[in-house]
Amino acid sequence: MEFEFSLDNINKSATLFWKSIQNERVVAFHGNMGAGKTTFIHALCDVRGVKDVVGSPTFSIINEYVIRDHEDKKIFHIDLYRLKDEEEAIQAGVEDCLYGDHLSLVEWPERAPGIFPEDTVHVYIDVIDSTNRRLRIERN
């Protein structure tokens, strides 16, 4: 599946995204620096009714958000950018998130490709121009 989005229609695109991945638990976001990975994840959290302030977990590595009206369901927003390898990801607790019962949205998955479940959904975000992005969803 592939579609384009901009800030003007990002929540509509986020809703379409959630419908397209159904009950998948782990989503790996690929894209260059500044492609819009964090911005799109923010929109995904907004659409799901996350109560918390959504921000980039670049320094904390893992942010945990609670979904409004689903206190027992969490979204883990994980940013592997600062990690060197899979061992650092494991030490940071990333694997626990990926193999748990909650949703995991992961930026920079190429830093630790071997730790992801086989059924991970891979999302590629490409810059079209200063305001538009192309998003492609791939399943194994």
Protein backbone atom coordinates (compact mmCIF):
# COMPACT_ATOMS: atom_id res chain seq x y z
CA MET A 1 0.00 0.00 0.00
CA GLU A 2 1.23 3.47 -0.82
CA PHE A 3 -0.17 6.97 -0.33
CA GLU A 4 0.91 10.58 -0.03
CA PHE A 5 0.33 12.94 2.86
CA SER A 6 1.06 16.47 4.01
CA LEU A 7 0.51 18.27 7.30
CA ASP A 8 -2.88 19.37 5.96
CA ASN A 9 -4.18 15.79 5.72
CA ILE A 10 -1.88 13.94 8.12
CA ASN A 11 -4.64 12.86 10.56
CA LYS A 12 -6.73 11.48 7.71
CA SER A 13 -3.64 9.59 6.50
CA ALA A 14 -2.96 8.34 10.03
CA THR A 15 -6.52 6.98 10.23
CA LEU A 16 -6.06 5.24 6.88
CA PHE A 17 -2.76 3.83 8.13
CA TRP A 18 -4.32 2.30 11.27
CA LYS A 19 -7.05 0.69 9.16
CA SER A 20 -4.48 -0.74 6.76
CA ILE A 21 -2.30 -2.41 9.39
CA GLN A 22 -5.25 -3.86 11.33
CA ASN A 23 -3.95 -5.67 14.42
CA GLU A 24 -0.23 -5.61 13.68
CA ARG A 25 1.83 -4.82 16.78
CA VAL A 26 5.26 -3.76 15.50
CA VAL A 27 5.80 -1.08 12.87
CA ALA A 28 9.30 -0.09 11.73
CA PHE A 29 9.60 3.38 10.16
CA HIS A 30 12.36 3.93 7.60
CA GLY A 31 13.33 7.28 6.14
CA ASN A 32 16.06 9.86 5.99
CA MET A 33 16.57 12.44 8.71
CA GLY A 34 13.78 14.99 8.37
CA ALA A 35 11.53 12.73 6.29
CA GLY A 36 8.70 13.02 8.82
CA LYS A 37 8.85 9.78 10.79
CA THR A 38 8.32 11.44 14.20
CA THR A 39 5.67 13.78 12.80
CA PHE A 40 3.70 10.89 11.34
CA ILE A 41 4.01 8.86 14.55
CA HIS A 42 2.71 11.90 16.45
CA ALA A 43 -0.34 11.91 14.16
CA LEU A 44 -0.80 8.16 14.68
CA CYS A 45 -0.83 8.71 18.44
CA ASP A 46 -3.28 11.62 18.13
CA VAL A 47 -5.69 9.49 16.10
CA ARG A 48 -5.48 6.66 18.67
CA GLY A 49 -6.25 9.09 21.49
CA VAL A 50 -2.93 9.11 23.31
CA LYS A 51 -3.22 11.17 26.50
CA ASP A 52 0.46 11.95 26.90
CA VAL A 53 2.57 14.56 25.16
CA VAL A 54 4.12 12.83 22.16
CA GLY A 55 7.73 13.73 21.50
CA SER A 56 10.83 12.29 19.94
CA PRO A 57 12.48 9.59 22.07
CA THR A 58 15.91 10.24 20.55
CA PHE A 59 17.57 10.58 23.95
CA SER A 60 15.30 8.40 26.08
CA ILE A 61 15.18 5.73 23.32
CA ILE A 62 11.70 4.55 24.43
CA ASN A 63 8.64 6.68 25.17
CA GLU A 64 5.57 4.94 26.54
CA TYR A 65 2.11 6.36 25.82
CA VAL A 66 -1.28 5.33 27.18
CA ILE A 67 -4.20 5.17 24.76
CA ARG A 68 -7.23 7.11 26.01
CA ASP A 69 -10.17 4.85 26.87
CA HIS A 70 -7.80 1.83 26.78
CA GLU A 71 -5.73 2.15 29.93
CA ASP A 72 -4.44 -1.40 29.46
CA LYS A 73 -3.14 -0.70 25.94
CA LYS A 74 0.11 1.19 25.38
CA ILE A 75 2.09 2.49 22.46
CA PHE A 76 5.85 2.32 22.67
CA HIS A 77 7.55 4.95 20.51
CA ILE A 78 11.12 3.78 20.04
CA ASP A 79 13.99 5.65 18.40
CA LEU A 80 17.11 3.59 17.70
CA TYR A 81 19.09 6.44 16.10
CA ARG A 82 21.65 6.78 18.90
CA LEU A 83 22.26 3.06 19.27
CA LYS A 84 25.27 1.34 17.70
CA ASP A 85 23.93 -2.17 17.32
CA GLU A 86 21.46 -4.85 18.34
CA GLU A 87 23.21 -5.50 21.64
CA GLU A 88 22.64 -1.90 22.76
CA ALA A 89 18.99 -2.17 21.69
CA ILE A 90 18.57 -5.32 23.77
CA GLN A 91 20.26 -3.69 26.78
CA ALA A 92 17.90 -0.71 26.44
CA GLY A 93 14.87 -3.00 26.68
CA VAL A 94 13.72 -2.60 23.09
CA GLU A 95 13.23 -6.33 22.60
CA ASP A 96 10.83 -6.43 25.57
CA CYS A 97 8.65 -3.85 23.82
CA LEU A 98 8.77 -5.58 20.44
CA TYR A 99 7.69 -8.95 21.78
CA GLY A 100 5.09 -7.71 24.28
CA ASP A 101 1.34 -7.25 23.88
CA HIS A 102 1.46 -3.52 23.12
CA LEU A 103 2.02 -1.50 19.96
CA SER A 104 5.60 -0.57 19.07
CA LEU A 105 6.36 2.21 16.57
CA VAL A 106 10.09 2.19 15.83
CA GLU A 107 12.23 4.79 14.11
CA TRP A 108 15.65 3.88 12.63
CA PRO A 109 15.08 0.08 12.69
CA GLU A 110 18.14 -0.45 10.49
CA ARG A 111 20.29 0.14 13.61
CA ALA A 112 19.20 -3.26 14.99
CA PRO A 113 17.48 -5.21 12.21
CA GLY A 114 17.94 -8.65 13.76
CA ILE A 115 15.75 -8.03 16.81
CA PHE A 116 12.45 -7.45 15.00
CA PRO A 117 9.67 -10.06 14.89
CA GLU A 118 9.07 -11.68 11.49
CA ASP A 119 5.63 -10.08 11.20
CA THR A 120 6.95 -6.52 11.58
CA VAL A 121 5.30 -4.04 9.23
CA HIS A 122 7.88 -1.86 7.46
CA VAL A 123 6.94 1.69 6.53
CA TYR A 124 9.05 3.82 4.20
CA ILE A 125 8.61 7.59 4.21
CA ASP A 126 10.12 9.57 1.34
CA VAL A 127 10.23 13.32 0.84
CA ILE A 128 8.39 14.49 -2.27
CA ASP A 129 8.85 18.20 -1.59
CA SER A 130 8.92 20.58 1.39
CA THR A 131 5.34 19.77 2.42
CA ASN A 132 4.48 16.37 0.91
CA ARG A 133 5.61 12.87 1.75
CA ARG A 134 5.08 9.43 0.21
CA LEU A 135 4.43 6.56 2.60
CA ARG A 136 4.79 2.92 1.55
CA ILE A 137 3.72 -0.01 3.75
CA GLU A 138 5.39 -3.40 3.25
CA ARG A 139 4.79 -6.70 5.01
CA ASN A 140 7.15 -9.68 5.01
